[in-house]
Amino acid sequence: MRDEQAPRPHSEIQRARDEQERRKRSRESASSARIAFQHQWVDEQIRVAMANGEFDDLPGAGKPIKDLGTEHDPDWWIKRLVERERIAVLPPSLALRKEDAELDDRLDAIAFEGDARREVEDFNERVIRARYSLAEGPPLVTMPRDVEETLAGWRERRAARLERQKAALAASAPPPRRRWWQRRR
């Protein structure tokens, strides 16, 4: 009786031949040739651009590179990114205070009460987590919000916003046309 788990010697030989053929073909392919000579292609592109004068009159040509060589800072690129993108990294207590001030505006952009409730509950969870953790920076003065009270304010603002939209739509809509049988003579 033959063991079903043992591989056939013929299939192993065929598999080895297929793998050898695949390796041979991949070494001879156009993509492998491009990869092998990529550095030469890049150098040629630079030489052509220099001959065409594409590197002439670049901004900052002939001037020293700003802040080069003053000191070694491994985080120089992240500091430049923060400056360029104006990213503000606040301590958790200040970030939560800022988020508390902007929470009503964020809630007003939400259309469904369930989503607004989740947003307020998520905010409250982060405030409570920050209260029980060691905080760096100024003390945390932000309190969790009352969910029902916040949602009641959201409902009022939403109803007022919908009324304003309806009024604006009614004011901009043309008066309905009278049908021929409704016209007075």
N, C-alpha and C. Protein backbone atom coordinates (compact mmCIF):
# COMPACT_ATOMS: atom_id res chain seq x y z
N MET A 1 0.84 -1.18 0.00
CA MET A 1 0.00 0.00 0.00
C MET A 1 0.88 1.24 0.00
N ARG A 2 0.56 2.15 -0.82
CA ARG A 2 1.38 3.35 -0.99
C ARG A 2 0.92 4.46 -0.06
N ASP A 3 1.84 5.18 0.51
CA ASP A 3 1.53 6.29 1.42
C ASP A 3 1.07 7.48 0.58
N GLU A 4 -0.14 7.99 0.88
CA GLU A 4 -0.70 9.10 0.11
C GLU A 4 0.01 10.42 0.38
N GLN A 5 0.68 10.56 1.52
CA GLN A 5 1.32 11.81 1.89
C GLN A 5 2.67 12.01 1.21
N ALA A 6 3.31 10.96 0.78
CA ALA A 6 4.64 11.07 0.19
C ALA A 6 4.54 11.70 -1.19
N PRO A 7 5.37 12.72 -1.49
CA PRO A 7 5.31 13.35 -2.81
C PRO A 7 5.91 12.44 -3.87
N ARG A 8 5.40 12.58 -5.05
CA ARG A 8 5.92 11.79 -6.15
C ARG A 8 7.25 12.37 -6.60
N PRO A 9 8.21 11.52 -6.87
CA PRO A 9 9.51 12.03 -7.32
C PRO A 9 9.41 12.76 -8.65
N HIS A 10 8.54 12.31 -9.53
CA HIS A 10 8.40 12.95 -10.84
C HIS A 10 7.89 14.38 -10.70
N SER A 11 6.91 14.63 -9.80
CA SER A 11 6.37 15.98 -9.63
C SER A 11 7.41 16.90 -9.01
N GLU A 12 8.25 16.38 -8.14
CA GLU A 12 9.32 17.22 -7.56
C GLU A 12 10.33 17.61 -8.63
N ILE A 13 10.66 16.70 -9.49
CA ILE A 13 11.60 16.98 -10.56
C ILE A 13 11.00 18.02 -11.51
N GLN A 14 9.71 17.83 -11.86
CA GLN A 14 9.04 18.77 -12.75
C GLN A 14 8.96 20.15 -12.11
N ARG A 15 8.67 20.19 -10.81
CA ARG A 15 8.58 21.46 -10.09
C ARG A 15 9.94 22.16 -10.08
N ALA A 16 11.01 21.42 -9.89
CA ALA A 16 12.36 22.00 -9.90
C ALA A 16 12.69 22.54 -11.29
N ARG A 17 12.30 21.80 -12.35
CA ARG A 17 12.55 22.28 -13.72
C ARG A 17 11.76 23.57 -14.00
N ASP A 18 10.50 23.59 -13.54
CA ASP A 18 9.68 24.79 -13.75
C ASP A 18 10.28 25.99 -13.04
N GLU A 19 10.77 25.77 -11.82
CA GLU A 19 11.37 26.87 -11.06
C GLU A 19 12.65 27.35 -11.75
N GLN A 20 13.43 26.42 -12.27
CA GLN A 20 14.66 26.79 -12.97
C GLN A 20 14.33 27.58 -14.24
N GLU A 21 13.32 27.17 -14.95
CA GLU A 21 12.91 27.87 -16.16
C GLU A 21 12.39 29.27 -15.83
N ARG A 22 11.61 29.39 -14.74
CA ARG A 22 11.09 30.69 -14.32
C ARG A 22 12.23 31.64 -13.98
N ARG A 23 13.22 31.13 -13.25
CA ARG A 23 14.37 31.98 -12.89
C ARG A 23 15.14 32.42 -14.14
N LYS A 24 15.29 31.50 -15.09
CA LYS A 24 16.02 31.83 -16.32
C LYS A 24 15.28 32.93 -17.09
N ARG A 25 13.94 32.77 -17.20
CA ARG A 25 13.16 33.77 -17.92
C ARG A 25 13.17 35.13 -17.22
N SER A 26 13.11 35.12 -15.91
CA SER A 26 13.06 36.40 -15.20
C SER A 26 14.39 37.14 -15.30
N ARG A 27 15.49 36.42 -15.40
CA ARG A 27 16.78 37.09 -15.56
C ARG A 27 16.90 37.73 -16.94
N GLU A 28 16.20 37.19 -17.91
CA GLU A 28 16.29 37.68 -19.27
C GLU A 28 15.18 38.66 -19.61
N SER A 29 14.31 38.96 -18.67
CA SER A 29 13.17 39.83 -18.97
C SER A 29 13.62 41.29 -19.08
N ALA A 30 12.77 42.09 -19.72
CA ALA A 30 13.07 43.51 -19.90
C ALA A 30 13.06 44.24 -18.57
N SER A 31 12.18 43.85 -17.67
CA SER A 31 12.12 44.55 -16.38
C SER A 31 13.37 44.32 -15.57
N SER A 32 13.90 43.10 -15.60
CA SER A 32 15.14 42.86 -14.85
C SER A 32 16.29 43.63 -15.47
N ALA A 33 16.30 43.80 -16.80
CA ALA A 33 17.35 44.59 -17.45
C ALA A 33 17.23 46.06 -17.05
N ARG A 34 15.99 46.57 -16.97
CA ARG A 34 15.80 47.96 -16.55
C ARG A 34 16.29 48.17 -15.12
N ILE A 35 15.98 47.22 -14.26
CA ILE A 35 16.40 47.35 -12.86
C ILE A 35 17.92 47.29 -12.76
N ALA A 36 18.54 46.41 -13.54
CA ALA A 36 19.99 46.26 -13.47
C ALA A 36 20.71 47.52 -13.94
N PHE A 37 20.14 48.24 -14.90
CA PHE A 37 20.81 49.41 -15.46
C PHE A 37 20.11 50.72 -15.10
N GLN A 38 19.33 50.71 -14.03
CA GLN A 38 18.58 51.90 -13.64
C GLN A 38 19.50 53.06 -13.29
N HIS A 39 20.58 52.79 -12.58
CA HIS A 39 21.49 53.88 -12.20
C HIS A 39 22.10 54.56 -13.42
N GLN A 40 22.37 53.78 -14.47
CA GLN A 40 22.91 54.39 -15.68
C GLN A 40 21.85 55.26 -16.36
N TRP A 41 20.60 54.82 -16.35
CA TRP A 41 19.53 55.59 -16.95
C TRP A 41 19.34 56.91 -16.21
N VAL A 42 19.40 56.87 -14.87
CA VAL A 42 19.24 58.09 -14.08
C VAL A 42 20.39 59.05 -14.37
N ASP A 43 21.60 58.52 -14.39
CA ASP A 43 22.76 59.37 -14.70
C ASP A 43 22.62 60.02 -16.08
N GLU A 44 22.12 59.27 -17.03
CA GLU A 44 21.95 59.81 -18.38
C GLU A 44 20.89 60.91 -18.39
N GLN A 45 19.80 60.71 -17.66
CA GLN A 45 18.77 61.74 -17.58
C GLN A 45 19.31 63.03 -16.96
N ILE A 46 20.16 62.91 -15.95
CA ILE A 46 20.76 64.09 -15.31
C ILE A 46 21.70 64.79 -16.29
N ARG A 47 22.50 64.02 -17.03
CA ARG A 47 23.42 64.61 -18.01
C ARG A 47 22.64 65.37 -19.08
N VAL A 48 21.55 64.80 -19.57
CA VAL A 48 20.74 65.45 -20.61
C VAL A 48 20.12 66.74 -20.06
N ALA A 49 19.62 66.68 -18.82
CA ALA A 49 19.01 67.88 -18.21
C ALA A 49 20.04 68.96 -18.02
N MET A 50 21.27 68.61 -17.62
CA MET A 50 22.33 69.60 -17.46
C MET A 50 22.70 70.22 -18.80
N ALA A 51 22.75 69.38 -19.85
CA ALA A 51 23.09 69.89 -21.18
C ALA A 51 22.00 70.84 -21.69
N ASN A 52 20.75 70.59 -21.33
CA ASN A 52 19.65 71.45 -21.76
C ASN A 52 19.52 72.69 -20.89
N GLY A 53 20.28 72.77 -19.81
CA GLY A 53 20.25 73.94 -18.95
C GLY A 53 19.09 73.97 -17.97
N GLU A 54 18.51 72.81 -17.67
CA GLU A 54 17.37 72.77 -16.78
C GLU A 54 17.75 73.01 -15.32
N PHE A 55 19.04 72.92 -15.00
CA PHE A 55 19.49 73.19 -13.63
C PHE A 55 20.03 74.60 -13.46
N ASP A 56 20.00 75.39 -14.53
CA ASP A 56 20.47 76.76 -14.45
C ASP A 56 19.41 77.64 -13.79
N ASP A 57 19.82 78.64 -13.10
CA ASP A 57 18.95 79.64 -12.48
C ASP A 57 17.90 79.04 -11.54
N LEU A 58 18.29 78.04 -10.78
CA LEU A 58 17.39 77.49 -9.77
C LEU A 58 17.34 78.44 -8.57
N PRO A 59 16.22 78.50 -7.84
CA PRO A 59 16.18 79.38 -6.67
C PRO A 59 17.19 78.91 -5.63
N GLY A 60 17.93 79.85 -5.10
CA GLY A 60 18.93 79.53 -4.08
C GLY A 60 20.27 79.13 -4.67
N ALA A 61 20.47 79.25 -5.97
CA ALA A 61 21.72 78.86 -6.59
C ALA A 61 22.84 79.77 -6.11
N GLY A 62 23.94 79.19 -5.70
CA GLY A 62 25.10 79.97 -5.25
C GLY A 62 24.99 80.45 -3.82
N LYS A 63 23.92 80.13 -3.13
CA LYS A 63 23.75 80.54 -1.74
C LYS A 63 23.93 79.33 -0.84
N PRO A 64 24.42 79.56 0.37
CA PRO A 64 24.57 78.42 1.28
C PRO A 64 23.20 77.88 1.71
N ILE A 65 23.17 76.58 1.99
CA ILE A 65 21.93 75.96 2.44
C ILE A 65 21.66 76.41 3.87
N LYS A 66 20.45 76.87 4.10
CA LYS A 66 20.07 77.42 5.41
C LYS A 66 20.19 76.34 6.50
N ASP A 67 20.75 76.70 7.62
CA ASP A 67 20.90 75.85 8.81
C ASP A 67 21.71 74.59 8.56
N LEU A 68 22.56 74.60 7.55
CA LEU A 68 23.38 73.42 7.29
C LEU A 68 24.66 73.51 8.10
N GLY A 69 24.93 72.52 8.88
CA GLY A 69 26.17 72.43 9.62
C GLY A 69 26.16 73.13 10.96
N THR A 70 25.05 73.70 11.40
CA THR A 70 25.05 74.36 12.69
C THR A 70 25.13 73.35 13.82
N GLU A 71 24.27 72.34 13.76
CA GLU A 71 24.31 71.25 14.75
C GLU A 71 23.57 70.06 14.18
N HIS A 72 23.86 68.89 14.74
CA HIS A 72 23.21 67.69 14.24
C HIS A 72 21.92 67.45 15.03
N ASP A 73 20.81 67.42 14.33
CA ASP A 73 19.52 67.15 14.96
C ASP A 73 18.83 66.06 14.15
N PRO A 74 18.69 64.86 14.71
CA PRO A 74 18.08 63.78 13.94
C PRO A 74 16.60 64.03 13.62
N ASP A 75 15.96 64.92 14.33
CA ASP A 75 14.54 65.19 14.08
C ASP A 75 14.32 66.47 13.29
N TRP A 76 15.32 66.90 12.52
CA TRP A 76 15.20 68.15 11.78
C TRP A 76 14.04 68.12 10.79
N TRP A 77 13.83 66.98 10.15
CA TRP A 77 12.79 66.91 9.13
C TRP A 77 11.40 67.00 9.74
N ILE A 78 11.20 66.42 10.92
CA ILE A 78 9.88 66.49 11.55
C ILE A 78 9.61 67.90 12.05
N LYS A 79 10.65 68.59 12.51
CA LYS A 79 10.47 69.97 12.95
C LYS A 79 10.12 70.88 11.77
N ARG A 80 10.76 70.66 10.65
CA ARG A 80 10.44 71.45 9.46
C ARG A 80 9.02 71.16 8.97
N LEU A 81 8.60 69.89 9.06
CA LEU A 81 7.24 69.52 8.67
C LEU A 81 6.23 70.23 9.56
N VAL A 82 6.48 70.26 10.86
CA VAL A 82 5.57 70.92 11.79
C VAL A 82 5.49 72.41 11.48
N GLU A 83 6.62 73.03 11.18
CA GLU A 83 6.63 74.46 10.83
C GLU A 83 5.88 74.71 9.52
N ARG A 84 6.18 73.89 8.51
CA ARG A 84 5.60 74.11 7.20
C ARG A 84 4.09 73.87 7.20
N GLU A 85 3.64 72.80 7.85
CA GLU A 85 2.23 72.44 7.84
C GLU A 85 1.45 73.10 8.98
N ARG A 86 2.15 73.83 9.82
CA ARG A 86 1.54 74.51 10.98
C ARG A 86 0.75 73.53 11.85
N ILE A 87 1.40 72.43 12.18
CA ILE A 87 0.79 71.41 13.02
C ILE A 87 0.96 71.83 14.47
N ALA A 88 -0.14 71.83 15.20
CA ALA A 88 -0.08 72.21 16.61
C ALA A 88 -0.22 70.95 17.46
N VAL A 89 0.77 70.69 18.26
CA VAL A 89 0.73 69.55 19.16
C VAL A 89 0.52 70.12 20.56
N LEU A 90 -0.67 69.89 21.08
CA LEU A 90 -1.03 70.44 22.39
C LEU A 90 -0.97 69.36 23.45
N PRO A 91 -0.70 69.75 24.70
CA PRO A 91 -0.83 68.77 25.78
C PRO A 91 -2.27 68.28 25.86
N PRO A 92 -2.52 67.09 26.39
CA PRO A 92 -3.87 66.53 26.39
C PRO A 92 -4.91 67.44 27.05
N SER A 93 -4.54 68.13 28.11
CA SER A 93 -5.52 68.98 28.79
C SER A 93 -5.95 70.15 27.90
N LEU A 94 -5.01 70.74 27.18
CA LEU A 94 -5.37 71.85 26.28
C LEU A 94 -6.09 71.34 25.04
N ALA A 95 -5.71 70.16 24.55
CA ALA A 95 -6.38 69.60 23.38
C ALA A 95 -7.85 69.31 23.71
N LEU A 96 -8.10 68.77 24.91
CA LEU A 96 -9.49 68.50 25.30
C LEU A 96 -10.27 69.79 25.52
N ARG A 97 -9.62 70.81 26.05
CA ARG A 97 -10.29 72.10 26.24
C ARG A 97 -10.68 72.69 24.89
N LYS A 98 -9.77 72.60 23.92
CA LYS A 98 -10.05 73.11 22.58
C LYS A 98 -11.16 72.30 21.92
N GLU A 99 -11.11 70.98 22.10
CA GLU A 99 -12.14 70.13 21.51
C GLU A 99 -13.50 70.40 22.15
N ASP A 100 -13.53 70.69 23.45
CA ASP A 100 -14.78 71.02 24.14
C ASP A 100 -15.37 72.30 23.55
N ALA A 101 -14.52 73.28 23.26
CA ALA A 101 -15.01 74.53 22.68
C ALA A 101 -15.56 74.33 21.27
N GLU A 102 -15.03 73.36 20.53
CA GLU A 102 -15.44 73.14 19.15
C GLU A 102 -16.48 72.02 19.01
N LEU A 103 -16.88 71.41 20.12
CA LEU A 103 -17.75 70.23 20.06
C LEU A 103 -19.12 70.57 19.47
N ASP A 104 -19.71 71.69 19.86
CA ASP A 104 -21.04 72.04 19.34
C ASP A 104 -21.00 72.23 17.82
N ASP A 105 -19.96 72.86 17.31
CA ASP A 105 -19.84 73.05 15.86
C ASP A 105 -19.70 71.70 15.15
N ARG A 106 -18.93 70.79 15.76
CA ARG A 106 -18.78 69.46 15.16
C ARG A 106 -20.10 68.70 15.20
N LEU A 107 -20.85 68.85 16.29
CA LEU A 107 -22.15 68.18 16.40
C LEU A 107 -23.13 68.72 15.38
N ASP A 108 -23.06 70.02 15.10
CA ASP A 108 -23.99 70.62 14.14
C ASP A 108 -23.78 70.08 12.72
N ALA A 109 -22.62 69.55 12.45
CA ALA A 109 -22.35 68.98 11.13
C ALA A 109 -22.88 67.56 11.02
N ILE A 110 -23.35 66.98 12.12
CA ILE A 110 -23.85 65.60 12.14
C ILE A 110 -25.36 65.63 11.93
N ALA A 111 -25.86 64.72 11.11
CA ALA A 111 -27.27 64.73 10.74
C ALA A 111 -28.14 63.84 11.63
N PHE A 112 -27.58 62.80 12.22
CA PHE A 112 -28.38 61.84 12.97
C PHE A 112 -28.06 61.90 14.45
N GLU A 113 -29.10 61.74 15.26
CA GLU A 113 -28.94 61.85 16.71
C GLU A 113 -28.05 60.74 17.27
N GLY A 114 -28.14 59.54 16.72
CA GLY A 114 -27.29 58.44 17.19
C GLY A 114 -25.81 58.75 17.01
N ASP A 115 -25.48 59.34 15.87
CA ASP A 115 -24.09 59.71 15.62
C ASP A 115 -23.64 60.83 16.55
N ALA A 116 -24.54 61.79 16.81
CA ALA A 116 -24.19 62.88 17.72
C ALA A 116 -24.01 62.34 19.14
N ARG A 117 -24.85 61.41 19.54
CA ARG A 117 -24.72 60.80 20.87
C ARG A 117 -23.38 60.08 21.01
N ARG A 118 -23.00 59.32 19.98
CA ARG A 118 -21.71 58.61 20.02
C ARG A 118 -20.55 59.60 20.13
N GLU A 119 -20.66 60.71 19.43
CA GLU A 119 -19.60 61.72 19.47
C GLU A 119 -19.44 62.30 20.88
N VAL A 120 -20.56 62.61 21.53
CA VAL A 120 -20.51 63.18 22.89
C VAL A 120 -19.99 62.12 23.87
N GLU A 121 -20.45 60.88 23.73
CA GLU A 121 -19.99 59.83 24.64
C GLU A 121 -18.50 59.56 24.46
N ASP A 122 -18.03 59.61 23.21
CA ASP A 122 -16.60 59.43 22.96
C ASP A 122 -15.79 60.56 23.60
N PHE A 123 -16.30 61.78 23.48
CA PHE A 123 -15.63 62.92 24.12
C PHE A 123 -15.57 62.72 25.63
N ASN A 124 -16.69 62.32 26.23
CA ASN A 124 -16.72 62.11 27.68
C ASN A 124 -15.75 61.02 28.12
N GLU A 125 -15.65 59.94 27.35
CA GLU A 125 -14.71 58.86 27.68
C GLU A 125 -13.27 59.38 27.68
N ARG A 126 -12.92 60.20 26.69
CA ARG A 126 -11.56 60.73 26.63
C ARG A 126 -11.28 61.69 27.79
N VAL A 127 -12.28 62.48 28.18
CA VAL A 127 -12.10 63.39 29.32
C VAL A 127 -11.89 62.58 30.60
N ILE A 128 -12.70 61.55 30.81
CA ILE A 128 -12.57 60.73 32.02
C ILE A 128 -11.23 60.00 32.03
N ARG A 129 -10.82 59.47 30.89
CA ARG A 129 -9.52 58.78 30.80
C ARG A 129 -8.38 59.76 31.12
N ALA A 130 -8.48 60.99 30.63
CA ALA A 130 -7.44 61.98 30.89
C ALA A 130 -7.44 62.40 32.36
N ARG A 131 -8.61 62.40 33.00
CA ARG A 131 -8.69 62.77 34.42
C ARG A 131 -7.96 61.76 35.29
N TYR A 132 -8.00 60.48 34.92
CA TYR A 132 -7.39 59.44 35.74
C TYR A 132 -5.97 59.09 35.32
N SER A 133 -5.42 59.79 34.39
CA SER A 133 -4.04 59.52 33.97
C SER A 133 -3.15 60.68 34.40
N LEU A 134 -1.87 60.40 34.49
CA LEU A 134 -0.92 61.46 34.81
C LEU A 134 -0.78 62.35 33.58
N ALA A 135 -1.13 63.58 33.76
CA ALA A 135 -1.13 64.49 32.62
C ALA A 135 0.11 65.36 32.64
N GLU A 136 0.63 65.60 31.46
CA GLU A 136 1.73 66.54 31.33
C GLU A 136 1.14 67.87 30.90
N GLY A 137 1.75 68.93 31.31
CA GLY A 137 1.24 70.25 30.95
C GLY A 137 0.29 70.78 32.00
N PRO A 138 -0.53 71.74 31.61
CA PRO A 138 -1.43 72.37 32.57
C PRO A 138 -2.49 71.38 33.07
N PRO A 139 -3.09 71.68 34.21
CA PRO A 139 -4.10 70.75 34.75
C PRO A 139 -5.35 70.71 33.86
N LEU A 140 -6.04 69.60 33.94
CA LEU A 140 -7.25 69.39 33.15
C LEU A 140 -8.44 70.00 33.87
N VAL A 141 -9.06 70.99 33.25
CA VAL A 141 -10.23 71.64 33.85
C VAL A 141 -11.50 71.31 33.07
N THR A 142 -11.38 70.60 31.98
CA THR A 142 -12.53 70.25 31.16
C THR A 142 -13.33 69.16 31.86
N MET A 143 -14.62 69.36 31.93
CA MET A 143 -15.51 68.39 32.57
C MET A 143 -16.26 67.61 31.49
N PRO A 144 -16.67 66.38 31.80
CA PRO A 144 -17.50 65.65 30.85
C PRO A 144 -18.83 66.37 30.64
N ARG A 145 -19.38 66.24 29.48
CA ARG A 145 -20.64 66.89 29.15
C ARG A 145 -21.81 66.00 29.53
N ASP A 146 -22.92 66.64 29.91
CA ASP A 146 -24.16 65.91 30.13
C ASP A 146 -24.70 65.55 28.74
N VAL A 147 -24.82 64.26 28.47
CA VAL A 147 -25.16 63.81 27.13
C VAL A 147 -26.55 64.30 26.73
N GLU A 148 -27.53 64.14 27.61
CA GLU A 148 -28.91 64.52 27.26
C GLU A 148 -29.03 66.03 27.07
N GLU A 149 -28.37 66.80 27.91
CA GLU A 149 -28.42 68.26 27.78
C GLU A 149 -27.76 68.71 26.49
N THR A 150 -26.63 68.12 26.17
CA THR A 150 -25.92 68.47 24.94
C THR A 150 -26.75 68.10 23.71
N LEU A 151 -27.39 66.93 23.75
CA LEU A 151 -28.23 66.52 22.62
C LEU A 151 -29.48 67.38 22.50
N ALA A 152 -30.02 67.85 23.64
CA ALA A 152 -31.18 68.76 23.57
C ALA A 152 -30.78 70.06 22.87
N GLY A 153 -29.61 70.59 23.20
CA GLY A 153 -29.11 71.78 22.50
C GLY A 153 -28.89 71.51 21.03
N TRP A 154 -28.38 70.31 20.71
CA TRP A 154 -28.16 69.94 19.31
C TRP A 154 -29.49 69.90 18.57
N ARG A 155 -30.54 69.31 19.20
CA ARG A 155 -31.86 69.23 18.57
C ARG A 155 -32.42 70.63 18.31
N GLU A 156 -32.28 71.53 19.27
CA GLU A 156 -32.78 72.90 19.10
C GLU A 156 -32.07 73.61 17.95
N ARG A 157 -30.75 73.51 17.94
CA ARG A 157 -29.98 74.16 16.86
C ARG A 157 -30.34 73.55 15.51
N ARG A 158 -30.54 72.23 15.48
CA ARG A 158 -30.88 71.55 14.23
C ARG A 158 -32.26 71.99 13.74
N ALA A 159 -33.23 72.07 14.66
CA ALA A 159 -34.58 72.50 14.28
C ALA A 159 -34.55 73.94 13.74
N ALA A 160 -33.79 74.81 14.41
CA ALA A 160 -33.68 76.20 13.96
C ALA A 160 -33.02 76.26 12.58
N ARG A 161 -31.99 75.45 12.38
CA ARG A 161 -31.30 75.43 11.10
C ARG A 161 -32.23 74.93 9.99
N LEU A 162 -33.04 73.90 10.28
CA LEU A 162 -33.98 73.39 9.29
C LEU A 162 -35.06 74.42 8.96
N GLU A 163 -35.51 75.17 9.97
CA GLU A 163 -36.51 76.22 9.73
C GLU A 163 -35.93 77.32 8.85
N ARG A 164 -34.67 77.70 9.11
CA ARG A 164 -34.03 78.72 8.28
C ARG A 164 -33.89 78.23 6.84
N GLN A 165 -33.54 76.95 6.68
CA GLN A 165 -33.41 76.41 5.33
C GLN A 165 -34.76 76.38 4.61
N LYS A 166 -35.81 76.00 5.34
CA LYS A 166 -37.15 75.98 4.73
C LYS A 166 -37.58 77.39 4.33
N ALA A 167 -37.30 78.36 5.22
CA ALA A 167 -37.68 79.75 4.91
C ALA A 167 -36.91 80.26 3.70
N ALA A 168 -35.63 79.94 3.63
CA ALA A 168 -34.82 80.37 2.49
C ALA A 168 -35.30 79.70 1.21
N LEU A 169 -35.68 78.44 1.30
CA LEU A 169 -36.18 77.73 0.12
C LEU A 169 -37.52 78.30 -0.33
N ALA A 170 -38.37 78.61 0.64
CA ALA A 170 -39.68 79.18 0.29
C ALA A 170 -39.53 80.56 -0.32
N ALA A 171 -38.59 81.35 0.17
CA ALA A 171 -38.39 82.69 -0.36
C ALA A 171 -37.81 82.66 -1.77
N SER A 172 -37.00 81.67 -2.05
CA SER A 172 -36.37 81.62 -3.36
C SER A 172 -37.23 80.91 -4.40
N ALA A 173 -38.25 80.17 -3.97
CA ALA A 173 -39.08 79.43 -4.92
C ALA A 173 -40.06 80.38 -5.60
N PRO A 174 -40.27 80.22 -6.91
CA PRO A 174 -41.24 81.07 -7.62
C PRO A 174 -42.66 80.70 -7.17
N PRO A 175 -43.60 81.63 -7.28
CA PRO A 175 -44.98 81.31 -6.89
C PRO A 175 -45.53 80.23 -7.82
N PRO A 176 -46.41 79.41 -7.32
CA PRO A 176 -46.94 78.33 -8.17
C PRO A 176 -47.76 78.92 -9.32
N ARG A 177 -47.66 78.28 -10.45
CA ARG A 177 -48.42 78.74 -11.63
C ARG A 177 -49.87 78.33 -11.49
N ARG A 178 -50.71 79.20 -11.94
CA ARG A 178 -52.14 78.87 -11.90
C ARG A 178 -52.49 78.15 -13.18
N ARG A 179 -53.28 77.17 -13.06
CA ARG A 179 -53.72 76.40 -14.21
C ARG A 179 -54.78 77.18 -14.97
N TRP A 180 -55.04 76.79 -16.19
CA TRP A 180 -55.96 77.56 -17.03
C TRP A 180 -57.37 77.60 -16.47
N TRP A 181 -57.76 76.55 -15.76
CA TRP A 181 -59.13 76.53 -15.21
C TRP A 181 -59.23 77.33 -13.92
N GLN A 182 -58.06 77.73 -13.34
CA GLN A 182 -58.07 78.50 -12.11
C GLN A 182 -57.91 80.00 -12.38
N ARG A 183 -57.68 80.37 -13.60
CA ARG A 183 -57.43 81.77 -13.92
C ARG A 183 -58.72 82.58 -13.84
N ARG A 184 -58.55 83.80 -13.38
CA ARG A 184 -59.71 84.71 -13.33
C ARG A 184 -59.66 85.62 -14.55
N ARG A 185 -60.80 86.04 -14.95
CA ARG A 185 -60.85 86.92 -16.11
C ARG A 185 -61.12 88.29 -15.72
